[in-house]
Amino acid sequence: MPDNVIALLPELILTVTGVLIMLIEAGLSAGTNRKPLGWLAILGTVAAAGASCYQYTLGPLTAFNGTIRIDAFSVFFHLLIAAIVAVTLLGSLDYFDGHAAHAGEYYVLVLFGAVGMMFMTSSVELLMVFIGLEISSISTYIMAGFRKSQASASESSIKYFLLGSFATAFFLYGIALAFGATGSTSIAAIAAGLGSTSTPVMAFLALAMMIVGLGFKVSAAPFHVWTPDVYQGAPAPVVGLMSTAPKAAAFAVLLRVTFSGFPAMQHRWSLLLWLLAALSMTIGNLGALKQTDVKRMLAYSSIAHAGYLLAAFTALPQTGIAAACFYTAAYAAMNVGAFAVITQVGGYDESLRTVEDYQGLASRRPILSALFALFLLSLIGIPFTGGFFGKFYVFTSALEAGHPWLGVIGLLNSGVACFYYLRLLGSVYASPAEQEDASPAAGAVRVAQVSSPAGLGLALAAAATLLLGVFPGRVLRLAAAAGSSLGAATNSVASGPSSRAQTRIALTDSRQ
C-alpha cells in the first residue's frame, strides 16, 4: 500500500463511510428509521480507529512531501477522537426518534468533522492544518444549529460561525506572518528558520496570532465569549462532541506549533500561555458559580478545564506534552460522559435545563444519577478518577518547571469548582419531598428509558474515567510516547526526501 494512502487511512475510511451514508439516505423515504445509518457510522469510526492502530505498528511515517506525519503523537489523538465520536454516536442513535427526518445528515457531519480533526493532528504544514481546521469547523457550525425549529439553536450556530470565522482569520494571518519571518509554513522549517530570521518580533507576533485562533477553539479566556451561548443552544450530544474532540485536535496543533515550531521562543510563549491558563481557570470557575442552566454551567467549566490543560504548556517539553495528552484524554472521557447523561435526561426537547429541574433525579433514575455523579466528581478532581490524576500530572509538571504560583492558582480554582459541581450533585440527590417543595414542575418530568446503545456509550465513558484514575499506566505510556515522538518530529520532517526514504526502509523492515 502506498505511503500516502497509509498516512491518511483513517480519514479515508471516515470519508468513504460518510459518502456511503449520504448515498443510502438519498434513497430512503421520509418516514424510514435512520438508526441503521448511525450503526454504519459507528462501524466506520471503529474501522478508522483500527487503521490508526495499524499505523502505530508501522512506526513513524511521512507522506505528501513531508506535510503529513504519522507517529505516536498523531495516533494518540486519532484514537482519542475516534473514541469520542463513537461514544457520541452511540448516545445519539435514539436522539432524533420522532423529531427529525434528517438524522442521516447528522451522522455524516460527525464523520466529516472527525476527518478534519484527525487531519489537523497529523499535519506538520500550517496550510494543511488550516484545511483540517476548516473541515472540522464547518461541520460543527452546522451541527450547533441542528434543531432548526428552535430559535436558540439558530442563534447558537450563527454566533459560532461568525466568531469562529473571525478567529480563523487570526490563525491564517499568523501563518502569513510566519512565512514572512521564516520563509516557510512548514512547522519544522519554521523551527529551523528562527535562528537565522532577521525579524524575530514578526515571528513571535505570528505565533501570538495563531494562539489567538486556537485559543478560540479550546475556549480559553479571553477568547471564550462564544462558549456559554453556543453550548446552551446546541443539542446536548453535539455539545458533548464539540467540547472534547475539536478541543483535542486544537490542543494537538498548539502542542506541535509551540514545542516543535517555536521551541527557541519558549521563554516568551510559555509566559503568554501562563497568563491564559490563569485567566481561563479563574474566569471559567467564577462564571460557573452564577449559572443555573446546567449546560451554561458546564460551558464555563470547559473554559476552566482549558486553563488547567494550558498549565501543561508551561512545563518542560517531555513532561508538559505527556501531561497535556493525558489530561486531554481524561477530560474527554468525563465530559462526553456528562453530556451523554444530559442527553438521556433531557431528550431532544431538553425538558430538564436548570439545576432545579434535576432535583430528585436519583429517586427516579438511580443508575443514571450515579454515572452523572461519577463524571461530576471526576470534573472536580476527586481521587480514583481520571480528573484527579490528570490535574495532578499537569500541576506537578508546572511545579517542576518552576511555576509554583500557577499550581497554587490551579488548586484554588479546583476548590472553587467544588461549589457549583456539588450544588448540581446535591440537586440530583435531593429527597422527593424536598423536590416537590422546591420545584413542582420537576416531579412531572419523566426521564425516558436509556437505550442499549446509549447505555453502552455511558458504560465506556464511565470505564475510561475510572481506569484513567485507578490504572493510568497504559495511557501514561502512550502519552509519554506521544511526547517523545513530537520532540523528534522536527528533525525527521525537516530532513525531507532522505527522511522519507528512511521511513520506507523502516516500513519494509517492520513488515518483514
Protein backbone atom coordinates (compact mmCIF):
# COMPACT_ATOMS: atom_id res chain seq x y z
CA MET A 1 0.00 0.00 0.00
CA PRO A 2 1.47 3.45 -0.91
CA ASP A 3 2.73 5.62 1.91
CA ASN A 4 0.29 8.40 1.04
CA VAL A 5 -2.67 6.04 1.40
CA ILE A 6 -1.40 4.60 4.68
CA ALA A 7 -0.86 8.09 6.11
CA LEU A 8 -4.49 9.09 5.51
CA LEU A 9 -6.11 5.68 6.00
CA PRO A 10 -8.35 6.66 8.99
CA GLU A 11 -9.50 9.82 7.23
CA LEU A 12 -10.20 7.90 4.02
CA ILE A 13 -12.29 5.33 5.88
CA LEU A 14 -14.37 8.04 7.58
CA THR A 15 -14.83 9.91 4.31
CA VAL A 16 -15.95 6.82 2.39
CA THR A 17 -18.34 5.92 5.23
CA GLY A 18 -19.84 9.42 5.21
CA VAL A 19 -20.33 9.43 1.44
CA LEU A 20 -21.90 5.97 1.62
CA ILE A 21 -24.36 7.16 4.28
CA MET A 22 -25.35 10.12 2.09
CA LEU A 23 -25.96 7.85 -0.90
CA ILE A 24 -28.03 5.41 1.14
CA GLU A 25 -30.11 8.13 2.79
CA ALA A 26 -30.92 9.67 -0.58
CA GLY A 27 -32.90 6.52 -1.39
CA LEU A 28 -34.83 6.37 1.89
CA SER A 29 -38.36 7.68 2.29
CA ALA A 30 -39.19 10.39 4.82
CA GLY A 31 -40.63 8.03 7.44
CA THR A 32 -37.85 5.44 7.36
CA ASN A 33 -35.83 4.92 10.53
CA ARG A 34 -32.29 6.28 10.14
CA LYS A 35 -30.81 4.31 13.02
CA PRO A 36 -29.04 1.75 10.73
CA LEU A 37 -27.15 4.70 9.23
CA GLY A 38 -25.93 5.52 12.72
CA TRP A 39 -24.67 1.97 13.18
CA LEU A 40 -22.85 2.27 9.85
CA ALA A 41 -21.21 5.48 11.09
CA ILE A 42 -20.14 3.71 14.28
CA LEU A 43 -18.71 0.84 12.25
CA GLY A 44 -16.73 3.30 10.13
CA THR A 45 -15.41 5.02 13.27
CA VAL A 46 -14.26 1.71 14.75
CA ALA A 47 -12.59 0.83 11.45
CA ALA A 48 -10.80 4.19 11.46
CA ALA A 49 -9.55 3.50 14.99
CA GLY A 50 -8.29 0.13 13.82
CA ALA A 51 -6.47 1.82 10.94
CA SER A 52 -4.79 4.17 13.42
CA CYS A 53 -3.61 1.16 15.44
CA TYR A 54 -2.23 -0.31 12.22
CA GLN A 55 -0.35 2.92 11.56
CA TYR A 56 1.18 2.74 15.03
CA THR A 57 2.67 -0.69 14.32
CA LEU A 58 4.45 0.67 11.25
CA GLY A 59 6.40 3.34 13.09
CA PRO A 60 6.89 6.99 12.06
CA LEU A 61 5.81 7.78 8.51
CA THR A 62 5.87 10.97 6.46
CA ALA A 63 3.79 11.48 3.33
CA PHE A 64 2.70 14.07 0.78
CA ASN A 65 6.14 15.66 0.56
CA GLY A 66 6.56 15.88 4.30
CA THR A 67 3.29 17.72 5.03
CA ILE A 68 1.73 14.76 6.88
CA ARG A 69 3.46 12.87 9.69
CA ILE A 70 2.12 9.75 11.33
CA ASP A 71 3.77 8.99 14.66
CA ALA A 72 2.81 8.12 18.22
CA PHE A 73 1.60 11.69 18.78
CA SER A 74 -0.85 11.76 15.86
CA VAL A 75 -2.01 8.19 16.51
CA PHE A 76 -2.75 9.06 20.16
CA PHE A 77 -5.10 11.86 19.10
CA HIS A 78 -6.57 9.81 16.25
CA LEU A 79 -7.62 7.13 18.72
CA LEU A 80 -8.92 9.72 21.17
CA ILE A 81 -11.04 11.46 18.52
CA ALA A 82 -12.38 8.13 17.26
CA ALA A 83 -13.35 7.12 20.81
CA ILE A 84 -15.17 10.43 21.38
CA VAL A 85 -17.02 10.13 18.08
CA ALA A 86 -18.04 6.52 18.79
CA VAL A 87 -19.45 7.36 22.24
CA THR A 88 -21.26 10.40 20.82
CA LEU A 89 -22.84 8.35 18.04
CA LEU A 90 -23.92 5.64 20.48
CA GLY A 91 -25.69 8.24 22.59
CA SER A 92 -27.31 9.84 19.55
CA LEU A 93 -28.89 6.81 17.88
CA ASP A 94 -32.27 7.37 19.58
CA TYR A 95 -31.94 11.12 19.98
CA PHE A 96 -33.78 12.02 16.76
CA ASP A 97 -36.61 9.47 17.02
CA GLY A 98 -39.88 11.22 16.15
CA HIS A 99 -38.25 14.65 15.84
CA ALA A 100 -36.06 14.83 12.76
CA ALA A 101 -36.11 13.13 9.39
CA HIS A 102 -32.57 14.28 8.59
CA ALA A 103 -30.69 12.25 11.20
CA GLY A 104 -28.51 10.78 8.45
CA GLU A 105 -27.07 14.22 7.81
CA TYR A 106 -26.08 14.42 11.46
CA TYR A 107 -24.09 11.18 11.23
CA VAL A 108 -22.35 12.42 8.09
CA LEU A 109 -21.44 15.74 9.69
CA VAL A 110 -19.98 13.97 12.72
CA LEU A 111 -17.81 11.79 10.49
CA PHE A 112 -16.66 14.65 8.28
CA GLY A 113 -15.88 16.73 11.36
CA ALA A 114 -13.76 13.86 12.65
CA VAL A 115 -11.92 13.79 9.31
CA GLY A 116 -10.91 17.41 9.77
CA MET A 117 -9.87 16.87 13.39
CA MET A 118 -7.69 13.86 12.54
CA PHE A 119 -6.19 15.76 9.61
CA MET A 120 -5.22 18.58 11.97
CA THR A 121 -3.40 16.27 14.38
CA SER A 122 -1.24 14.66 11.69
CA SER A 123 -0.41 17.78 9.66
CA VAL A 124 3.03 19.34 10.07
CA GLU A 125 2.38 22.05 7.48
CA LEU A 126 0.38 25.05 8.65
CA LEU A 127 -1.67 25.37 5.48
CA MET A 128 -2.66 21.71 5.80
CA VAL A 129 -3.60 22.39 9.42
CA PHE A 130 -5.80 25.24 8.20
CA ILE A 131 -7.58 22.93 5.76
CA GLY A 132 -8.29 20.43 8.52
CA LEU A 133 -9.45 23.22 10.81
CA GLU A 134 -11.95 24.44 8.22
CA ILE A 135 -13.31 20.94 7.54
CA SER A 136 -13.85 20.44 11.26
CA SER A 137 -15.29 23.91 11.84
CA ILE A 138 -17.85 23.83 9.03
CA SER A 139 -19.28 20.57 10.35
CA THR A 140 -19.58 21.83 13.92
CA TYR A 141 -21.12 25.16 12.78
CA ILE A 142 -23.94 23.23 11.11
CA MET A 143 -24.42 20.74 13.97
CA ALA A 144 -24.72 23.57 16.51
CA GLY A 145 -27.96 24.65 14.81
CA PHE A 146 -29.25 21.20 14.02
CA ARG A 147 -32.54 21.67 15.91
CA LYS A 148 -33.79 24.10 13.29
CA SER A 149 -37.22 24.56 14.89
CA GLN A 150 -35.71 26.25 17.96
CA ALA A 151 -34.54 29.85 17.84
CA SER A 152 -31.79 29.24 20.40
CA ALA A 153 -30.21 26.64 18.10
CA SER A 154 -30.09 29.05 15.15
CA GLU A 155 -28.63 31.73 17.39
CA SER A 156 -26.02 29.26 18.61
CA SER A 157 -24.99 28.33 15.07
CA ILE A 158 -24.78 31.93 13.84
CA LYS A 159 -22.70 33.09 16.82
CA TYR A 160 -20.38 30.13 16.49
CA PHE A 161 -19.95 30.73 12.75
CA LEU A 162 -19.32 34.48 12.97
CA LEU A 163 -16.89 34.36 15.89
CA GLY A 164 -15.28 31.20 14.54
CA SER A 165 -14.63 32.86 11.18
CA PHE A 166 -13.12 35.85 12.96
CA ALA A 167 -10.80 33.59 14.97
CA THR A 168 -9.83 31.61 11.87
CA ALA A 169 -8.73 34.87 10.25
CA PHE A 170 -6.30 35.39 13.14
CA PHE A 171 -4.87 31.91 12.61
CA LEU A 172 -4.50 32.45 8.87
CA TYR A 173 -2.85 35.83 9.35
CA GLY A 174 -0.44 34.19 11.80
CA ILE A 175 0.50 31.68 9.11
CA ALA A 176 1.20 34.56 6.70
CA LEU A 177 3.42 36.30 9.26
CA ALA A 178 5.27 33.05 9.97
CA PHE A 179 6.00 32.72 6.25
CA GLY A 180 7.20 36.30 6.15
CA ALA A 181 9.54 35.77 9.10
CA THR A 182 11.00 32.37 8.19
CA GLY A 183 10.20 31.83 4.51
CA SER A 184 8.15 28.68 5.10
CA THR A 185 4.86 27.40 6.50
CA SER A 186 6.30 24.02 7.44
CA ILE A 187 6.48 23.63 11.23
CA ALA A 188 9.93 22.03 11.05
CA ALA A 189 11.26 24.66 8.64
CA ILE A 190 9.91 27.43 10.86
CA ALA A 191 11.82 25.97 13.81
CA ALA A 192 14.98 25.85 11.73
CA GLY A 193 14.50 29.37 10.41
CA LEU A 194 14.00 31.04 13.77
CA GLY A 195 17.72 31.00 14.46
CA SER A 196 18.55 33.00 11.35
CA THR A 197 15.48 35.20 10.95
CA SER A 198 16.04 38.96 10.84
CA THR A 199 12.51 39.63 12.11
CA PRO A 200 12.09 37.78 15.44
CA VAL A 201 9.36 40.18 16.51
CA MET A 202 7.32 39.25 13.46
CA ALA A 203 7.88 35.56 14.21
CA PHE A 204 6.58 35.96 17.76
CA LEU A 205 3.64 38.01 16.50
CA ALA A 206 2.87 35.16 14.10
CA LEU A 207 2.81 32.70 16.99
CA ALA A 208 0.62 35.05 19.05
CA MET A 209 -1.88 35.30 16.18
CA MET A 210 -2.05 31.51 15.89
CA ILE A 211 -2.54 31.18 19.64
CA VAL A 212 -5.50 33.57 19.36
CA GLY A 213 -7.08 31.42 16.65
CA LEU A 214 -6.52 28.17 18.52
CA GLY A 215 -7.50 29.78 21.82
CA PHE A 216 -10.96 30.30 20.38
CA LYS A 217 -11.23 26.61 19.51
CA VAL A 218 -10.23 25.46 23.01
CA SER A 219 -12.45 28.08 24.74
CA ALA A 220 -9.54 29.73 26.53
CA ALA A 221 -10.14 33.13 28.11
CA PRO A 222 -10.36 35.85 26.88
CA PHE A 223 -11.45 34.10 23.65
CA HIS A 224 -14.29 32.28 25.38
CA VAL A 225 -17.24 34.63 24.88
CA TRP A 226 -18.98 32.33 22.39
CA THR A 227 -18.91 29.25 24.61
CA PRO A 228 -21.87 29.70 27.03
CA ASP A 229 -24.37 30.78 24.36
CA VAL A 230 -23.33 28.11 21.87
CA TYR A 231 -23.37 25.33 24.46
CA GLN A 232 -26.79 26.42 25.71
CA GLY A 233 -28.41 26.47 22.28
CA ALA A 234 -26.73 23.48 20.60
CA PRO A 235 -28.10 19.93 21.02
CA ALA A 236 -26.65 18.13 24.05
CA PRO A 237 -24.84 15.35 22.09
CA VAL A 238 -23.33 17.98 19.79
CA VAL A 239 -22.08 19.94 22.81
CA GLY A 240 -20.54 16.76 24.19
CA LEU A 241 -18.71 16.30 20.89
CA MET A 242 -17.63 19.91 20.29
CA SER A 243 -16.43 20.34 23.89
CA THR A 244 -14.00 17.43 23.56
CA ALA A 245 -12.97 16.30 20.06
CA PRO A 246 -12.32 19.71 18.39
CA LYS A 247 -10.55 20.81 21.57
CA ALA A 248 -8.33 17.73 21.46
CA ALA A 249 -7.43 18.48 17.83
CA ALA A 250 -6.76 22.16 18.57
CA PHE A 251 -4.57 21.31 21.56
CA ALA A 252 -2.64 18.84 19.40
CA VAL A 253 -1.97 21.59 16.87
CA LEU A 254 -0.99 24.01 19.64
CA LEU A 255 1.46 21.45 21.02
CA ARG A 256 3.05 20.99 17.58
CA VAL A 257 3.22 24.71 16.86
CA THR A 258 4.73 25.71 20.21
CA PHE A 259 7.03 22.83 21.14
CA SER A 260 8.06 21.84 17.59
CA GLY A 261 7.65 25.05 15.61
CA PHE A 262 8.79 27.71 18.09
CA PRO A 263 10.99 25.93 20.65
CA ALA A 264 13.55 28.76 20.57
CA MET A 265 10.88 31.17 21.85
CA GLN A 266 9.61 29.00 24.70
CA HIS A 267 10.66 31.56 27.30
CA ARG A 268 8.24 34.00 25.64
CA TRP A 269 5.24 31.91 24.70
CA SER A 270 5.28 29.96 27.97
CA LEU A 271 4.69 33.25 29.80
CA LEU A 272 1.84 34.10 27.44
CA LEU A 273 0.23 30.69 27.98
CA TRP A 274 0.82 31.03 31.74
CA LEU A 275 -1.36 34.13 31.69
CA LEU A 276 -4.01 32.47 29.51
CA ALA A 277 -4.08 29.44 31.83
CA ALA A 278 -4.53 31.52 34.98
CA LEU A 279 -7.15 33.72 33.31
CA SER A 280 -9.11 30.75 31.91
CA MET A 281 -9.17 28.88 35.22
CA THR A 282 -10.34 31.93 37.15
CA ILE A 283 -12.92 33.29 34.70
CA GLY A 284 -14.31 29.81 33.99
CA ASN A 285 -14.86 28.84 37.61
CA LEU A 286 -16.14 32.22 38.77
CA GLY A 287 -18.51 32.38 35.81
CA ALA A 288 -19.86 28.89 36.54
CA LEU A 289 -20.73 29.85 40.11
CA LYS A 290 -23.50 32.17 38.91
CA GLN A 291 -25.14 29.79 36.41
CA THR A 292 -28.44 28.00 36.92
CA ASP A 293 -28.62 26.46 33.43
CA VAL A 294 -26.70 23.18 33.53
CA LYS A 295 -25.28 23.45 30.00
CA ARG A 296 -24.10 27.02 30.60
CA MET A 297 -22.52 25.87 33.86
CA LEU A 298 -20.61 23.14 32.05
CA ALA A 299 -19.66 25.65 29.35
CA TYR A 300 -17.87 27.78 31.93
CA SER A 301 -16.46 24.57 33.37
CA SER A 302 -14.93 23.77 29.97
CA ILE A 303 -13.26 27.19 29.97
CA ALA A 304 -11.72 26.40 33.35
CA HIS A 305 -10.52 22.98 32.17
CA ALA A 306 -8.91 24.61 29.14
CA GLY A 307 -6.94 26.64 31.66
CA TYR A 308 -5.90 23.52 33.58
CA LEU A 309 -4.65 21.98 30.35
CA LEU A 310 -2.82 25.13 29.27
CA ALA A 311 -0.82 24.89 32.50
CA ALA A 312 0.97 21.90 30.95
CA PHE A 313 2.37 24.17 28.23
CA THR A 314 4.46 25.97 30.84
CA ALA A 315 6.26 22.74 31.77
CA LEU A 316 9.37 21.18 30.27
CA PRO A 317 8.75 19.66 26.82
CA GLN A 318 8.80 15.95 27.70
CA THR A 319 6.62 16.17 30.81
CA GLY A 320 4.47 19.01 29.52
CA ILE A 321 3.47 17.29 26.27
CA ALA A 322 2.74 13.99 28.03
CA ALA A 323 0.72 15.76 30.76
CA ALA A 324 -1.31 17.67 28.15
CA CYS A 325 -2.03 14.46 26.20
CA PHE A 326 -3.15 12.59 29.32
CA TYR A 327 -5.33 15.43 30.59
CA THR A 328 -6.99 15.75 27.18
CA ALA A 329 -7.94 12.07 27.31
CA ALA A 330 -9.21 12.30 30.90
CA TYR A 331 -11.26 15.41 30.22
CA ALA A 332 -12.74 13.86 27.08
CA ALA A 333 -13.92 10.77 28.99
CA MET A 334 -15.62 12.63 31.84
CA ASN A 335 -17.09 15.50 29.80
CA VAL A 336 -18.51 13.44 26.95
CA GLY A 337 -19.97 11.14 29.62
CA ALA A 338 -21.58 14.07 31.46
CA PHE A 339 -23.23 15.34 28.28
CA ALA A 340 -24.32 11.81 27.40
CA VAL A 341 -26.24 11.78 30.70
CA ILE A 342 -27.73 15.20 29.92
CA THR A 343 -28.80 13.88 26.51
CA GLN A 344 -30.62 10.94 28.11
CA VAL A 345 -32.17 13.04 30.85
CA GLY A 346 -33.45 15.93 28.74
CA GLY A 347 -34.15 14.22 25.42
CA TYR A 348 -34.49 16.07 22.12
CA ASP A 349 -36.58 18.87 23.65
CA GLU A 350 -34.19 19.17 26.65
CA SER A 351 -37.02 19.29 29.18
CA LEU A 352 -34.56 19.45 32.08
CA ARG A 353 -32.37 22.52 31.77
CA THR A 354 -31.77 24.15 35.16
CA VAL A 355 -30.20 22.86 38.35
CA GLU A 356 -33.64 22.87 40.00
CA ASP A 357 -35.03 20.66 37.23
CA TYR A 358 -32.57 17.94 38.24
CA GLN A 359 -33.86 17.77 41.82
CA GLY A 360 -34.82 14.26 42.84
CA LEU A 361 -33.44 12.65 39.68
CA ALA A 362 -31.73 9.96 41.75
CA SER A 363 -35.07 8.74 43.13
CA ARG A 364 -36.33 8.13 39.58
CA ARG A 365 -33.12 7.02 37.80
CA PRO A 366 -30.54 5.87 40.36
CA ILE A 367 -28.05 4.30 37.90
CA LEU A 368 -28.10 7.27 35.55
CA SER A 369 -27.65 9.59 38.52
CA ALA A 370 -24.73 7.52 39.83
CA LEU A 371 -22.98 7.81 36.47
CA PHE A 372 -23.63 11.55 36.44
CA ALA A 373 -22.15 11.78 39.93
CA LEU A 374 -19.03 9.91 38.78
CA PHE A 375 -18.46 12.33 35.90
CA LEU A 376 -19.05 15.40 38.08
CA LEU A 377 -16.68 14.12 40.77
CA SER A 378 -14.05 13.50 38.11
CA LEU A 379 -14.52 17.04 36.82
CA ILE A 380 -13.87 18.23 40.38
CA GLY A 381 -10.75 16.08 40.60
CA ILE A 382 -11.72 13.58 43.29
CA PRO A 383 -9.13 10.76 43.77
CA PHE A 384 -9.55 7.48 41.86
CA THR A 385 -10.95 9.32 38.83
CA GLY A 386 -9.27 10.44 35.64
CA GLY A 387 -9.79 14.07 36.53
CA PHE A 388 -7.74 13.77 39.70
CA PHE A 389 -4.74 12.13 38.07
CA GLY A 390 -4.91 14.49 35.10
CA LYS A 391 -4.81 17.58 37.35
CA PHE A 392 -2.09 16.02 39.49
CA TYR A 393 0.05 15.32 36.44
CA VAL A 394 -0.46 18.80 34.95
CA PHE A 395 0.18 20.74 38.16
CA THR A 396 3.19 18.59 39.05
CA SER A 397 4.70 19.28 35.62
CA ALA A 398 4.16 23.02 36.08
CA LEU A 399 5.74 22.95 39.54
CA GLU A 400 8.78 21.02 38.28
CA ALA A 401 9.27 23.71 35.62
CA GLY A 402 9.40 26.42 38.27
CA HIS A 403 5.83 27.77 38.19
CA PRO A 404 4.56 27.34 41.78
CA TRP A 405 2.09 30.21 41.58
CA LEU A 406 0.33 28.64 38.61
CA GLY A 407 -0.07 25.46 40.66
CA VAL A 408 -1.48 27.50 43.56
CA ILE A 409 -3.95 29.25 41.25
CA GLY A 410 -4.99 25.88 39.83
CA LEU A 411 -5.56 24.34 43.25
CA LEU A 412 -7.58 27.34 44.46
CA ASN A 413 -9.74 27.21 41.35
CA SER A 414 -10.28 23.47 41.84
CA GLY A 415 -11.63 24.32 45.27
CA VAL A 416 -13.96 26.95 43.84
CA ALA A 417 -15.22 24.42 41.28
CA CYS A 418 -16.44 22.16 44.09
CA PHE A 419 -19.23 24.61 44.88
CA TYR A 420 -21.09 24.50 41.58
CA TYR A 421 -20.42 20.82 40.83
CA LEU A 422 -21.61 19.78 44.29
CA ARG A 423 -24.61 22.10 44.05
CA LEU A 424 -25.73 20.23 40.93
CA LEU A 425 -24.93 16.90 42.54
CA GLY A 426 -26.88 17.86 45.65
CA SER A 427 -29.88 18.73 43.50
CA VAL A 428 -29.72 15.33 41.79
CA TYR A 429 -29.80 13.56 45.16
CA ALA A 430 -32.40 15.80 46.78
CA SER A 431 -35.21 13.89 48.53
CA PRO A 432 -38.60 13.64 46.76
CA ALA A 433 -40.28 15.74 49.44
CA GLU A 434 -37.65 18.44 49.04
CA GLN A 435 -38.08 18.22 45.30
CA GLU A 436 -41.83 18.81 45.45
CA ASP A 437 -41.41 21.84 47.70
CA ALA A 438 -38.59 23.39 45.69
CA SER A 439 -39.55 22.60 42.11
CA PRO A 440 -43.08 21.36 41.46
CA ALA A 441 -42.53 21.10 37.72
CA ALA A 442 -39.57 18.78 38.12
CA GLY A 443 -41.66 15.97 39.57
CA ALA A 444 -43.82 15.87 36.46
CA VAL A 445 -40.88 15.16 34.21
CA ARG A 446 -40.37 11.54 33.26
CA VAL A 447 -36.91 10.52 32.10
CA ALA A 448 -37.05 8.13 29.16
CA GLN A 449 -35.51 4.72 29.41
CA VAL A 450 -31.88 4.55 28.34
CA SER A 451 -31.47 2.51 25.17
CA SER A 452 -28.86 -0.22 24.86
CA PRO A 453 -26.54 1.79 22.56
CA ALA A 454 -26.68 4.83 24.86
CA GLY A 455 -26.07 2.58 27.85
CA LEU A 456 -23.02 1.14 26.12
CA GLY A 457 -21.68 4.63 25.42
CA LEU A 458 -22.20 5.68 29.04
CA ALA A 459 -20.51 2.50 30.26
CA LEU A 460 -17.50 3.14 28.04
CA ALA A 461 -17.16 6.74 29.26
CA ALA A 462 -17.52 5.66 32.91
CA ALA A 463 -14.98 2.83 32.50
CA ALA A 464 -12.49 5.21 30.88
CA THR A 465 -12.97 7.75 33.69
CA LEU A 466 -12.30 5.13 36.34
CA LEU A 467 -9.45 3.38 34.56
CA LEU A 468 -7.62 6.65 33.94
CA GLY A 469 -7.79 7.33 37.66
CA VAL A 470 -7.04 3.86 39.02
CA PHE A 471 -4.90 2.24 36.30
CA PRO A 472 -3.45 5.12 34.27
CA GLY A 473 -0.23 3.30 33.34
CA ARG A 474 -1.02 2.31 29.76
CA VAL A 475 -2.38 5.71 28.77
CA LEU A 476 0.56 7.37 30.51
CA ARG A 477 2.97 5.30 28.43
CA LEU A 478 1.10 6.25 25.25
CA ALA A 479 1.17 9.91 26.31
CA ALA A 480 4.91 9.69 27.04
CA ALA A 481 5.49 8.08 23.63
CA ALA A 482 3.46 10.87 22.03
CA GLY A 483 5.64 13.45 23.76
CA SER A 484 8.83 11.73 22.64
CA SER A 485 7.69 11.46 19.03
CA LEU A 486 6.68 15.12 18.94
CA GLY A 487 10.14 16.07 20.17
CA ALA A 488 11.72 14.06 17.36
CA ALA A 489 9.29 15.24 14.68
CA THR A 490 11.09 18.45 13.77
CA ASN A 491 14.36 16.83 12.73
CA SER A 492 12.74 13.95 10.87
CA VAL A 493 10.39 16.13 8.86
CA ALA A 494 12.99 18.78 8.15
CA SER A 495 15.29 16.23 6.56
CA GLY A 496 12.86 15.97 3.61
CA PRO A 497 13.27 13.23 0.99
CA SER A 498 16.05 11.37 2.82
CA SER A 499 13.79 11.05 5.83
CA ARG A 500 11.05 9.61 3.65
CA ALA A 501 13.48 7.07 2.24
CA GLN A 502 14.50 6.00 5.72
CA THR A 503 10.84 5.72 6.65
CA ARG A 504 10.20 3.39 3.73
CA ILE A 505 13.14 1.23 4.79
CA ALA A 506 11.80 1.05 8.35
CA LEU A 507 8.36 0.24 6.99
CA THR A 508 9.76 -2.60 4.91
CA ASP A 509 11.69 -3.99 7.88
CA SER A 510 8.64 -3.93 10.12
CA ARG A 511 6.57 -5.79 7.52
CA GLN A 512 9.22 -8.45 7.25
